[in-house]
Structure formats: structure tokens, C-alpha cells
Amino acid sequence: MDDVTDATFADEVLASPVPVIVDFWAPWCKPCVAIEPHLRAIAEESEGRVRLLRMNVDDNLAVPGRCGVLTLPSVMLFRDGNVHVTVFGAHSRAHYEQAFAPFLV
């Protein structure tokens, strides 16, 4: 999973030709660590149809603020420069798969 920053967000996420799942996380967040394998598996199974990036909210304040990230973990799916799915909190892999399914076809 690659990292995205405030400086690279527009190019890496908003201008992406494929949907992008952004995992807003922090190193001290245990639920963030717990969901990472779920997100990686979804991205691997959807290779070429979606991209997975993560943003450390301790190091990047602008984008999480604009996106309304108030809790961790927060996972958002962007397509065509817009947020289409937002999942706050830790959930099962099935929950993420169901939320993202319409965008991974």
C-alpha cells in the first residue's frame, strides 16, 4: 500500500483514472492496523480496477480536514475526483467489500 500526502493527493487520488480507496490512519490507531489486511486483500483482488492508498493524519492535516475525517479509521473511495463511499470505524472485510462493490466492476 502506497502513501499519499497533502501535496500528492490531487494527482494521486483526484486525477486517478481508476477509483482510489484512501485509508486515513495513524500509527497509534489499533483499529487502523486491524483493517489494513482487509483493504489490502480487496485491492489485490481488484487489481487494475482500484488503487489503495493510505494517508497518515498525523503528518497530513489539510486533506483529512477537507474530507471531514473526524474519527479513525476512515476509509473513502474516490472516483472521478469525488468521494462516493465513506466508511467510518473498523468493520469486517465483508462490510468493505459490500460498500465498494458498485465501484469495482
Protein backbone atom coordinates (compact mmCIF):
# COMPACT_ATOMS: atom_id res chain seq x y z
CA MET A 1 0.00 0.00 0.00
CA ASP A 2 1.44 3.34 -1.05
CA ASP A 3 1.24 6.54 0.95
CA VAL A 4 -0.39 9.73 -0.25
CA THR A 5 0.21 13.18 1.23
CA ASP A 6 -1.48 16.56 1.20
CA ALA A 7 0.95 17.54 -1.58
CA THR A 8 0.30 14.48 -3.77
CA PHE A 9 -3.41 13.95 -3.11
CA ALA A 10 -4.74 15.85 -6.15
CA ASP A 11 -2.51 13.98 -8.61
CA GLU A 12 -2.67 10.54 -6.97
CA VAL A 13 -6.36 10.48 -5.99
CA LEU A 14 -8.47 13.16 -7.61
CA ALA A 15 -6.91 12.79 -11.08
CA SER A 16 -6.72 8.99 -11.00
CA PRO A 17 -8.25 7.18 -13.99
CA VAL A 18 -9.39 4.34 -11.68
CA PRO A 19 -11.24 4.50 -8.35
CA VAL A 20 -8.98 5.05 -5.34
CA ILE A 21 -9.58 3.76 -1.83
CA VAL A 22 -7.93 6.08 0.68
CA ASP A 23 -7.30 4.74 4.18
CA PHE A 24 -6.97 7.65 6.61
CA TRP A 25 -4.96 6.25 9.51
CA ALA A 26 -2.41 6.94 12.26
CA PRO A 27 0.38 4.71 13.58
CA TRP A 28 -1.09 4.72 17.11
CA CYS A 29 -4.56 3.63 15.89
CA LYS A 30 -5.03 -0.09 16.65
CA PRO A 31 -8.28 -0.41 14.63
CA CYS A 32 -6.43 1.13 11.66
CA VAL A 33 -3.86 -1.65 11.86
CA ALA A 34 -6.63 -4.24 12.20
CA ILE A 35 -8.42 -3.27 8.97
CA GLU A 36 -5.32 -2.94 6.82
CA PRO A 37 -5.29 -6.64 5.78
CA HIS A 38 -8.95 -6.37 4.69
CA LEU A 39 -8.22 -3.36 2.49
CA ARG A 40 -5.08 -4.91 1.03
CA ALA A 41 -6.96 -8.09 0.12
CA ILE A 42 -9.75 -6.14 -1.58
CA ALA A 43 -7.21 -4.12 -3.56
CA GLU A 44 -5.26 -7.22 -4.58
CA GLU A 45 -8.42 -8.99 -5.76
CA SER A 46 -9.46 -5.87 -7.69
CA GLU A 47 -6.04 -5.17 -9.19
CA GLY A 48 -6.29 -2.85 -12.17
CA ARG A 49 -9.80 -1.75 -11.20
CA VAL A 50 -8.95 0.12 -7.99
CA ARG A 51 -5.96 1.61 -6.26
CA LEU A 52 -5.35 1.59 -2.50
CA LEU A 53 -3.51 4.45 -0.79
CA ARG A 54 -3.16 5.48 2.81
CA MET A 55 -2.79 8.89 4.42
CA ASN A 56 -1.21 9.41 7.83
CA VAL A 57 -3.44 12.03 9.50
CA ASP A 58 -0.70 12.96 11.98
CA ASP A 59 1.54 14.10 9.11
CA ASN A 60 -1.14 15.48 6.79
CA LEU A 61 -3.82 17.80 8.13
CA ALA A 62 -5.25 19.61 5.10
CA VAL A 63 -6.88 16.77 3.14
CA PRO A 64 -8.36 14.96 6.16
CA GLY A 65 -9.80 18.29 7.29
CA ARG A 66 -11.38 18.96 3.89
CA CYS A 67 -12.73 15.41 3.73
CA GLY A 68 -14.32 15.58 7.18
CA VAL A 69 -12.16 12.92 8.79
CA LEU A 70 -13.06 13.14 12.48
CA THR A 71 -12.55 9.53 13.52
CA LEU A 72 -10.11 6.76 12.73
CA PRO A 73 -10.08 4.66 10.79
CA SER A 74 -11.86 6.47 7.98
CA VAL A 75 -11.87 4.87 4.55
CA MET A 76 -13.10 6.69 1.45
CA LEU A 77 -13.48 5.63 -2.14
CA PHE A 78 -12.88 8.39 -4.69
CA ARG A 79 -13.85 8.21 -8.34
CA ASP A 80 -13.65 11.00 -10.91
CA GLY A 81 -12.37 13.38 -8.24
CA ASN A 82 -15.29 12.87 -5.86
CA VAL A 83 -15.98 10.85 -2.72
CA HIS A 84 -18.50 8.11 -3.47
CA VAL A 85 -18.19 5.91 -0.37
CA THR A 86 -17.20 6.74 3.20
CA VAL A 87 -16.80 4.15 5.95
CA PHE A 88 -16.01 5.41 9.45
CA GLY A 89 -14.67 2.99 12.06
CA ALA A 90 -13.35 -0.56 11.84
CA HIS A 91 -15.50 -3.15 10.11
CA SER A 92 -15.29 -6.65 8.68
CA ARG A 93 -13.84 -7.33 5.25
CA ALA A 94 -17.34 -8.18 4.03
CA HIS A 95 -18.56 -4.74 5.05
CA TYR A 96 -15.86 -3.01 2.99
CA GLU A 97 -16.44 -5.34 0.04
CA GLN A 98 -20.15 -4.57 0.06
CA ALA A 99 -19.55 -0.82 0.33
CA PHE A 100 -17.05 -0.76 -2.55
CA ALA A 101 -18.65 -3.41 -4.81
CA PRO A 102 -20.51 -0.99 -7.13
CA PHE A 103 -17.21 0.69 -8.00
CA LEU A 104 -15.07 -2.42 -8.53
CA VAL A 105 -16.86 -3.87 -11.57
